All heavy atoms as atom14 arrays in JSON, in Angstrom:
{
  "sequence": "QDSRERTVAADLPLIALVAVAAFGGNVLLPQQIETAYATY",
  "atom14_mask": [
    [1, 1, 1, 1, 1, 1, 1, 1, 1, 0, 0, 0, 0, 0],
    [1, 1, 1, 1, 1, 1, 1, 1, 0, 0, 0, 0, 0, 0],
    [1, 1, 1, 1, 1, 1, 0, 0, 0, 0, 0, 0, 0, 0],
    [1, 1, 1, 1, 1, 1, 1, 1, 1, 1, 1, 0, 0, 0],
    [1, 1, 1, 1, 1, 1, 1, 1, 1, 0, 0, 0, 0, 0],
    [1, 1, 1, 1, 1, 1, 1, 1, 1, 1, 1, 0, 0, 0],
    [1, 1, 1, 1, 1, 1, 1, 0, 0, 0, 0, 0, 0, 0],
    [1, 1, 1, 1, 1, 1, 1, 0, 0, 0, 0, 0, 0, 0],
    [1, 1, 1, 1, 1, 0, 0, 0, 0, 0, 0, 0, 0, 0],
    [1, 1, 1, 1, 1, 0, 0, 0, 0, 0, 0, 0, 0, 0],
    [1, 1, 1, 1, 1, 1, 1, 1, 0, 0, 0, 0, 0, 0],
    [1, 1, 1, 1, 1, 1, 1, 1, 0, 0, 0, 0, 0, 0],
    [1, 1, 1, 1, 1, 1, 1, 0, 0, 0, 0, 0, 0, 0],
    [1, 1, 1, 1, 1, 1, 1, 1, 0, 0, 0, 0, 0, 0],
    [1, 1, 1, 1, 1, 1, 1, 1, 0, 0, 0, 0, 0, 0],
    [1, 1, 1, 1, 1, 0, 0, 0, 0, 0, 0, 0, 0, 0],
    [1, 1, 1, 1, 1, 1, 1, 1, 0, 0, 0, 0, 0, 0],
    [1, 1, 1, 1, 1, 1, 1, 0, 0, 0, 0, 0, 0, 0],
    [1, 1, 1, 1, 1, 0, 0, 0, 0, 0, 0, 0, 0, 0],
    [1, 1, 1, 1, 1, 1, 1, 0, 0, 0, 0, 0, 0, 0],
    [1, 1, 1, 1, 1, 0, 0, 0, 0, 0, 0, 0, 0, 0],
    [1, 1, 1, 1, 1, 0, 0, 0, 0, 0, 0, 0, 0, 0],
    [1, 1, 1, 1, 1, 1, 1, 1, 1, 1, 1, 0, 0, 0],
    [1, 1, 1, 1, 0, 0, 0, 0, 0, 0, 0, 0, 0, 0],
    [1, 1, 1, 1, 0, 0, 0, 0, 0, 0, 0, 0, 0, 0],
    [1, 1, 1, 1, 1, 1, 1, 1, 0, 0, 0, 0, 0, 0],
    [1, 1, 1, 1, 1, 1, 1, 0, 0, 0, 0, 0, 0, 0],
    [1, 1, 1, 1, 1, 1, 1, 1, 0, 0, 0, 0, 0, 0],
    [1, 1, 1, 1, 1, 1, 1, 1, 0, 0, 0, 0, 0, 0],
    [1, 1, 1, 1, 1, 1, 1, 0, 0, 0, 0, 0, 0, 0],
    [1, 1, 1, 1, 1, 1, 1, 1, 1, 0, 0, 0, 0, 0],
    [1, 1, 1, 1, 1, 1, 1, 1, 1, 0, 0, 0, 0, 0],
    [1, 1, 1, 1, 1, 1, 1, 1, 0, 0, 0, 0, 0, 0],
    [1, 1, 1, 1, 1, 1, 1, 1, 1, 0, 0, 0, 0, 0],
    [1, 1, 1, 1, 1, 1, 1, 0, 0, 0, 0, 0, 0, 0],
    [1, 1, 1, 1, 1, 0, 0, 0, 0, 0, 0, 0, 0, 0],
    [1, 1, 1, 1, 1, 1, 1, 1, 1, 1, 1, 1, 0, 0],
    [1, 1, 1, 1, 1, 0, 0, 0, 0, 0, 0, 0, 0, 0],
    [1, 1, 1, 1, 1, 1, 1, 0, 0, 0, 0, 0, 0, 0],
    [1, 1, 1, 1, 1, 1, 1, 1, 1, 1, 1, 1, 0, 0]
  ],
  "atom14_positions": [
    [[-7.58, -0.67, -12.68], [-6.82, 0.57, -12.66], [-5.58, 0.42, -13.53], [-4.96, -0.64, -13.59], [-6.37, 0.91, -11.23], [-7.47, 0.96, -10.21], [-8.21, 2.28, -10.18], [-7.79, 3.23, -10.83], [-9.29, 2.34, -9.43], [0.0, 0.0, 0.0], [0.0, 0.0, 0.0], [0.0, 0.0, 0.0], [0.0, 0.0, 0.0], [0.0, 0.0, 0.0]],
    [[-5.19, 1.49, -14.19], [-3.89, 1.58, -14.85], [-2.96, 2.39, -13.97], [-3.38, 3.22, -13.17], [-4.01, 2.27, -16.22], [-4.53, 1.3, -17.27], [-4.33, 0.09, -17.08], [-5.14, 1.75, -18.25], [0.0, 0.0, 0.0], [0.0, 0.0, 0.0], [0.0, 0.0, 0.0], [0.0, 0.0, 0.0], [0.0, 0.0, 0.0], [0.0, 0.0, 0.0]],
    [[-1.68, 2.16, -14.15], [-0.7, 2.86, -13.31], [-0.79, 4.37, -13.5], [-0.42, 5.13, -12.6], [0.71, 2.37, -13.64], [1.0, 2.56, -15.01], [0.0, 0.0, 0.0], [0.0, 0.0, 0.0], [0.0, 0.0, 0.0], [0.0, 0.0, 0.0], [0.0, 0.0, 0.0], [0.0, 0.0, 0.0], [0.0, 0.0, 0.0], [0.0, 0.0, 0.0]],
    [[-1.24, 4.82, -14.67], [-1.34, 6.24, -14.93], [-2.59, 6.87, -14.31], [-2.74, 8.08, -14.28], [-1.35, 6.5, -16.44], [-0.05, 6.1, -17.12], [-0.24, 6.09, -18.62], [-1.2, 5.07, -19.02], [-1.58, 4.89, -20.29], [-1.1, 5.65, -21.25], [-2.46, 3.94, -20.58], [0.0, 0.0, 0.0], [0.0, 0.0, 0.0], [0.0, 0.0, 0.0]],
    [[-3.5, 6.05, -13.88], [-4.77, 6.56, -13.37], [-4.64, 6.96, -11.9], [-3.61, 6.79, -11.26], [-5.86, 5.51, -13.51], [-6.2, 5.18, -14.94], [-7.41, 4.27, -15.01], [-8.51, 4.74, -14.71], [-7.22, 3.1, -15.36], [0.0, 0.0, 0.0], [0.0, 0.0, 0.0], [0.0, 0.0, 0.0], [0.0, 0.0, 0.0], [0.0, 0.0, 0.0]],
    [[-5.71, 7.47, -11.37], [-5.76, 7.81, -9.96], [-5.55, 6.57, -9.11], [-5.7, 5.43, -9.58], [-7.1, 8.44, -9.64], [-8.28, 7.57, -10.03], [-9.58, 8.3, -9.82], [-10.68, 7.44, -10.25], [-11.95, 7.74, -10.06], [-12.27, 8.86, -9.46], [-12.91, 6.94, -10.47], [0.0, 0.0, 0.0], [0.0, 0.0, 0.0], [0.0, 0.0, 0.0]],
    [[-5.27, 6.74, -7.86], [-5.01, 5.61, -6.97], [-6.31, 4.9, -6.63], [-7.4, 5.42, -6.81], [-4.36, 6.11, -5.67], [-5.26, 6.98, -5.0], [-3.06, 6.85, -5.98], [0.0, 0.0, 0.0], [0.0, 0.0, 0.0], [0.0, 0.0, 0.0], [0.0, 0.0, 0.0], [0.0, 0.0, 0.0], [0.0, 0.0, 0.0], [0.0, 0.0, 0.0]],
    [[-6.14, 3.7, -6.09], [-7.3, 2.9, -5.69], [-8.12, 3.63, -4.64], [-9.36, 3.54, -4.61], [-6.83, 1.54, -5.17], [-8.01, 0.75, -4.59], [-6.15, 0.74, -6.27], [0.0, 0.0, 0.0], [0.0, 0.0, 0.0], [0.0, 0.0, 0.0], [0.0, 0.0, 0.0], [0.0, 0.0, 0.0], [0.0, 0.0, 0.0], [0.0, 0.0, 0.0]],
    [[-7.44, 4.39, -3.79], [-8.14, 5.07, -2.69], [-9.19, 6.04, -3.21], [-10.16, 6.34, -2.5], [-7.13, 5.82, -1.83], [0.0, 0.0, 0.0], [0.0, 0.0, 0.0], [0.0, 0.0, 0.0], [0.0, 0.0, 0.0], [0.0, 0.0, 0.0], [0.0, 0.0, 0.0], [0.0, 0.0, 0.0], [0.0, 0.0, 0.0], [0.0, 0.0, 0.0]],
    [[-9.05, 6.52, -4.44], [-10.02, 7.47, -4.98], [-11.39, 6.85, -5.15], [-12.41, 7.55, -5.12], [-9.52, 8.02, -6.32], [0.0, 0.0, 0.0], [0.0, 0.0, 0.0], [0.0, 0.0, 0.0], [0.0, 0.0, 0.0], [0.0, 0.0, 0.0], [0.0, 0.0, 0.0], [0.0, 0.0, 0.0], [0.0, 0.0, 0.0], [0.0, 0.0, 0.0]],
    [[-11.45, 5.54, -5.35], [-12.73, 4.87, -5.55], [-13.33, 4.33, -4.24], [-14.49, 3.9, -4.23], [-12.57, 3.7, -6.53], [-12.47, 4.17, -7.96], [-13.15, 5.15, -8.3], [-11.71, 3.55, -8.73], [0.0, 0.0, 0.0], [0.0, 0.0, 0.0], [0.0, 0.0, 0.0], [0.0, 0.0, 0.0], [0.0, 0.0, 0.0], [0.0, 0.0, 0.0]],
    [[-12.55, 4.32, -3.18], [-13.03, 3.72, -1.94], [-14.29, 4.38, -1.39], [-15.18, 3.68, -0.9], [-11.91, 3.73, -0.9], [-10.75, 2.76, -1.16], [-9.73, 2.84, -0.04], [-11.26, 1.33, -1.32], [0.0, 0.0, 0.0], [0.0, 0.0, 0.0], [0.0, 0.0, 0.0], [0.0, 0.0, 0.0], [0.0, 0.0, 0.0], [0.0, 0.0, 0.0]],
    [[-14.43, 5.72, -1.43], [-15.68, 6.3, -0.92], [-16.91, 5.82, -1.68], [-17.96, 5.55, -1.06], [-15.46, 7.81, -1.11], [-13.98, 7.98, -1.09], [-13.44, 6.76, -1.77], [0.0, 0.0, 0.0], [0.0, 0.0, 0.0], [0.0, 0.0, 0.0], [0.0, 0.0, 0.0], [0.0, 0.0, 0.0], [0.0, 0.0, 0.0], [0.0, 0.0, 0.0]],
    [[-16.81, 5.7, -3.02], [-17.95, 5.22, -3.8], [-18.23, 3.75, -3.5], [-19.39, 3.34, -3.38], [-17.69, 5.41, -5.29], [-17.71, 6.86, -5.79], [-17.32, 6.91, -7.26], [-19.09, 7.46, -5.59], [0.0, 0.0, 0.0], [0.0, 0.0, 0.0], [0.0, 0.0, 0.0], [0.0, 0.0, 0.0], [0.0, 0.0, 0.0], [0.0, 0.0, 0.0]],
    [[-17.16, 2.96, -3.39], [-17.34, 1.55, -3.05], [-18.02, 1.41, -1.7], [-18.96, 0.62, -1.52], [-15.98, 0.83, -3.06], [-15.39, 0.79, -4.48], [-16.13, -0.6, -2.52], [-13.99, 0.23, -4.55], [0.0, 0.0, 0.0], [0.0, 0.0, 0.0], [0.0, 0.0, 0.0], [0.0, 0.0, 0.0], [0.0, 0.0, 0.0], [0.0, 0.0, 0.0]],
    [[-17.55, 2.21, -0.73], [-18.15, 2.16, 0.61], [-19.61, 2.59, 0.58], [-20.46, 2.0, 1.27], [-17.34, 3.03, 1.56], [0.0, 0.0, 0.0], [0.0, 0.0, 0.0], [0.0, 0.0, 0.0], [0.0, 0.0, 0.0], [0.0, 0.0, 0.0], [0.0, 0.0, 0.0], [0.0, 0.0, 0.0], [0.0, 0.0, 0.0], [0.0, 0.0, 0.0]],
    [[-19.92, 3.61, -0.21], [-21.3, 4.1, -0.3], [-22.22, 3.02, -0.86], [-23.33, 2.79, -0.33], [-21.35, 5.35, -1.17], [-22.75, 5.97, -1.37], [-23.31, 6.43, -0.04], [-22.67, 7.13, -2.36], [0.0, 0.0, 0.0], [0.0, 0.0, 0.0], [0.0, 0.0, 0.0], [0.0, 0.0, 0.0], [0.0, 0.0, 0.0], [0.0, 0.0, 0.0]],
    [[-21.78, 2.36, -1.92], [-22.6, 1.29, -2.51], [-22.74, 0.13, -1.54], [-23.83, -0.47, -1.4], [-21.99, 0.82, -3.85], [-22.77, -0.38, -4.4], [-21.99, 1.96, -4.87], [0.0, 0.0, 0.0], [0.0, 0.0, 0.0], [0.0, 0.0, 0.0], [0.0, 0.0, 0.0], [0.0, 0.0, 0.0], [0.0, 0.0, 0.0], [0.0, 0.0, 0.0]],
    [[-21.65, -0.2, -0.84], [-21.7, -1.3, 0.13], [-22.69, -1.0, 1.25], [-23.47, -1.88, 1.68], [-20.31, -1.56, 0.69], [0.0, 0.0, 0.0], [0.0, 0.0, 0.0], [0.0, 0.0, 0.0], [0.0, 0.0, 0.0], [0.0, 0.0, 0.0], [0.0, 0.0, 0.0], [0.0, 0.0, 0.0], [0.0, 0.0, 0.0], [0.0, 0.0, 0.0]],
    [[-22.67, 0.24, 1.74], [-23.61, 0.63, 2.8], [-25.05, 0.56, 2.29], [-25.96, 0.08, 2.98], [-23.29, 2.04, 3.31], [-24.41, 2.56, 4.21], [-21.97, 2.03, 4.06], [0.0, 0.0, 0.0], [0.0, 0.0, 0.0], [0.0, 0.0, 0.0], [0.0, 0.0, 0.0], [0.0, 0.0, 0.0], [0.0, 0.0, 0.0], [0.0, 0.0, 0.0]],
    [[-25.27, 1.03, 1.04], [-26.61, 0.96, 0.46], [-27.07, -0.48, 0.3], [-28.23, -0.81, 0.55], [-26.63, 1.68, -0.89], [0.0, 0.0, 0.0], [0.0, 0.0, 0.0], [0.0, 0.0, 0.0], [0.0, 0.0, 0.0], [0.0, 0.0, 0.0], [0.0, 0.0, 0.0], [0.0, 0.0, 0.0], [0.0, 0.0, 0.0], [0.0, 0.0, 0.0]],
    [[-26.15, -1.34, -0.11], [-26.49, -2.76, -0.26], [-26.88, -3.37, 1.08], [-27.88, -4.1, 1.2], [-25.32, -3.51, -0.86], [0.0, 0.0, 0.0], [0.0, 0.0, 0.0], [0.0, 0.0, 0.0], [0.0, 0.0, 0.0], [0.0, 0.0, 0.0], [0.0, 0.0, 0.0], [0.0, 0.0, 0.0], [0.0, 0.0, 0.0], [0.0, 0.0, 0.0]],
    [[-26.09, -3.07, 2.11], [-26.38, -3.61, 3.43], [-27.68, -3.05, 3.99], [-28.5, -3.78, 4.55], [-25.22, -3.3, 4.38], [-25.34, -3.93, 5.73], [-25.04, -5.28, 5.9], [-25.76, -3.2, 6.83], [-25.16, -5.87, 7.15], [-25.88, -3.78, 8.07], [-25.58, -5.13, 8.23], [0.0, 0.0, 0.0], [0.0, 0.0, 0.0], [0.0, 0.0, 0.0]],
    [[-27.88, -1.76, 3.79], [-29.1, -1.14, 4.31], [-30.35, -1.63, 3.62], [-31.36, -1.95, 4.27], [0.0, 0.0, 0.0], [0.0, 0.0, 0.0], [0.0, 0.0, 0.0], [0.0, 0.0, 0.0], [0.0, 0.0, 0.0], [0.0, 0.0, 0.0], [0.0, 0.0, 0.0], [0.0, 0.0, 0.0], [0.0, 0.0, 0.0], [0.0, 0.0, 0.0]],
    [[-30.32, -1.73, 2.29], [-31.5, -2.13, 1.54], [-31.85, -3.59, 1.66], [-33.0, -3.98, 1.44], [0.0, 0.0, 0.0], [0.0, 0.0, 0.0], [0.0, 0.0, 0.0], [0.0, 0.0, 0.0], [0.0, 0.0, 0.0], [0.0, 0.0, 0.0], [0.0, 0.0, 0.0], [0.0, 0.0, 0.0], [0.0, 0.0, 0.0], [0.0, 0.0, 0.0]],
    [[-30.86, -4.42, 2.02], [-31.1, -5.86, 2.02], [-30.94, -6.52, 3.38], [-31.21, -7.72, 3.5], [-30.15, -6.54, 1.02], [-30.41, -6.11, -0.4], [-31.32, -6.59, -1.05], [-29.6, -5.16, -0.9], [0.0, 0.0, 0.0], [0.0, 0.0, 0.0], [0.0, 0.0, 0.0], [0.0, 0.0, 0.0], [0.0, 0.0, 0.0], [0.0, 0.0, 0.0]],
    [[-30.52, -5.74, 4.38], [-30.37, -6.29, 5.73], [-31.07, -5.41, 6.77], [-31.88, -5.89, 7.56], [-28.88, -6.46, 6.09], [-28.75, -6.98, 7.52], [-28.19, -7.4, 5.12], [0.0, 0.0, 0.0], [0.0, 0.0, 0.0], [0.0, 0.0, 0.0], [0.0, 0.0, 0.0], [0.0, 0.0, 0.0], [0.0, 0.0, 0.0], [0.0, 0.0, 0.0]],
    [[-30.76, -4.12, 6.75], [-31.28, -3.23, 7.8], [-32.75, -2.91, 7.62], [-33.51, -2.88, 8.59], [-30.45, -1.94, 7.84], [-28.98, -2.1, 8.23], [-28.31, -0.74, 8.27], [-28.86, -2.79, 9.58], [0.0, 0.0, 0.0], [0.0, 0.0, 0.0], [0.0, 0.0, 0.0], [0.0, 0.0, 0.0], [0.0, 0.0, 0.0], [0.0, 0.0, 0.0]],
    [[-33.18, -2.6, 6.39], [-34.59, -2.31, 6.17], [-35.44, -3.54, 6.46], [-34.98, -4.67, 6.25], [-34.83, -1.84, 4.74], [-34.32, -0.45, 4.36], [-34.63, -0.14, 2.91], [-34.94, 0.62, 5.26], [0.0, 0.0, 0.0], [0.0, 0.0, 0.0], [0.0, 0.0, 0.0], [0.0, 0.0, 0.0], [0.0, 0.0, 0.0], [0.0, 0.0, 0.0]],
    [[-36.66, -3.36, 6.91], [-37.52, -4.52, 7.2], [-37.69, -5.4, 5.96], [-38.05, -4.91, 4.89], [-38.85, -3.88, 7.61], [-38.48, -2.52, 8.08], [-37.32, -2.08, 7.23], [0.0, 0.0, 0.0], [0.0, 0.0, 0.0], [0.0, 0.0, 0.0], [0.0, 0.0, 0.0], [0.0, 0.0, 0.0], [0.0, 0.0, 0.0], [0.0, 0.0, 0.0]],
    [[-37.4, -6.66, 6.13], [-37.47, -7.6, 5.03], [-38.6, -8.6, 5.29], [-38.82, -9.04, 6.42], [-36.16, -8.38, 4.89], [-34.93, -7.5, 4.75], [-34.8, -6.86, 3.4], [-35.11, -7.47, 2.38], [-34.36, -5.61, 3.38], [0.0, 0.0, 0.0], [0.0, 0.0, 0.0], [0.0, 0.0, 0.0], [0.0, 0.0, 0.0], [0.0, 0.0, 0.0]],
    [[-39.31, -8.96, 4.23], [-40.26, -10.06, 4.35], [-39.48, -11.37, 4.39], [-38.31, -11.43, 4.01], [-41.23, -10.05, 3.18], [-42.09, -8.81, 3.09], [-43.2, -8.95, 2.08], [-44.02, -9.85, 2.19], [-43.25, -8.06, 1.11], [0.0, 0.0, 0.0], [0.0, 0.0, 0.0], [0.0, 0.0, 0.0], [0.0, 0.0, 0.0], [0.0, 0.0, 0.0]],
    [[-40.15, -12.4, 4.85], [-39.52, -13.72, 4.87], [-39.49, -14.25, 3.44], [-40.54, -14.37, 2.79], [-40.29, -14.68, 5.78], [-40.41, -14.09, 7.19], [-39.61, -16.04, 5.85], [-41.38, -14.85, 8.09], [0.0, 0.0, 0.0], [0.0, 0.0, 0.0], [0.0, 0.0, 0.0], [0.0, 0.0, 0.0], [0.0, 0.0, 0.0], [0.0, 0.0, 0.0]],
    [[-38.3, -14.56, 2.96], [-38.16, -14.96, 1.57], [-37.47, -16.31, 1.45], [-36.55, -16.63, 2.2], [-37.37, -13.92, 0.78], [-38.04, -12.58, 0.67], [-37.21, -11.6, -0.11], [-35.99, -11.52, 0.14], [-37.77, -10.92, -0.98], [0.0, 0.0, 0.0], [0.0, 0.0, 0.0], [0.0, 0.0, 0.0], [0.0, 0.0, 0.0], [0.0, 0.0, 0.0]],
    [[-37.92, -17.08, 0.48], [-37.21, -18.28, 0.06], [-37.03, -18.19, -1.44], [-37.41, -17.21, -2.07], [-38.01, -19.55, 0.41], [-39.19, -19.61, -0.42], [-38.43, -19.56, 1.88], [0.0, 0.0, 0.0], [0.0, 0.0, 0.0], [0.0, 0.0, 0.0], [0.0, 0.0, 0.0], [0.0, 0.0, 0.0], [0.0, 0.0, 0.0], [0.0, 0.0, 0.0]],
    [[-36.45, -19.22, -2.03], [-36.26, -19.21, -3.48], [-37.59, -19.26, -4.22], [-37.65, -18.93, -5.41], [-35.39, -20.4, -3.9], [0.0, 0.0, 0.0], [0.0, 0.0, 0.0], [0.0, 0.0, 0.0], [0.0, 0.0, 0.0], [0.0, 0.0, 0.0], [0.0, 0.0, 0.0], [0.0, 0.0, 0.0], [0.0, 0.0, 0.0], [0.0, 0.0, 0.0]],
    [[-38.68, -19.66, -3.54], [-39.95, -19.87, -4.21], [-40.99, -18.8, -3.93], [-41.86, -18.55, -4.76], [-40.52, -21.24, -3.81], [-39.64, -22.4, -4.19], [-38.77, -22.96, -3.26], [-39.66, -22.92, -5.48], [-37.94, -24.02, -3.6], [-38.83, -23.98, -5.83], [-37.98, -24.53, -4.88], [-37.16, -25.56, -5.23], [0.0, 0.0, 0.0], [0.0, 0.0, 0.0]],
    [[-40.95, -18.21, -2.76], [-42.05, -17.31, -2.4], [-41.61, -16.31, -1.34], [-40.57, -16.46, -0.7], [-43.25, -18.12, -1.89], [0.0, 0.0, 0.0], [0.0, 0.0, 0.0], [0.0, 0.0, 0.0], [0.0, 0.0, 0.0], [0.0, 0.0, 0.0], [0.0, 0.0, 0.0], [0.0, 0.0, 0.0], [0.0, 0.0, 0.0], [0.0, 0.0, 0.0]],
    [[-42.46, -15.3, -1.16], [-42.28, -14.28, -0.13], [-43.41, -14.44, 0.88], [-44.59, -14.51, 0.5], [-42.32, -12.88, -0.74], [-41.25, -12.76, -1.67], [-42.17, -11.81, 0.33], [0.0, 0.0, 0.0], [0.0, 0.0, 0.0], [0.0, 0.0, 0.0], [0.0, 0.0, 0.0], [0.0, 0.0, 0.0], [0.0, 0.0, 0.0], [0.0, 0.0, 0.0]],
    [[-43.07, -14.48, 2.16], [-44.05, -14.75, 3.21], [-44.05, -13.61, 4.23], [-43.03, -12.98, 4.49], [-43.71, -16.04, 3.96], [-43.61, -17.26, 3.08], [-42.39, -17.65, 2.52], [-44.73, -18.03, 2.81], [-42.3, -18.77, 1.72], [-44.65, -19.16, 2.01], [-43.43, -19.52, 1.47], [-43.33, -20.64, 0.66], [0.0, 0.0, 0.0], [0.0, 0.0, 0.0]]
  ]
}
């Protein structure tokens, strides 16, 4: 951010939305058993 730009709070809703999507897609949704080598 530059001092002339909008405040940090303006981006928080988008950051929160992406964070929720990340958590939902990689934790909440059913996941297969994964390792570095294979999916089980």
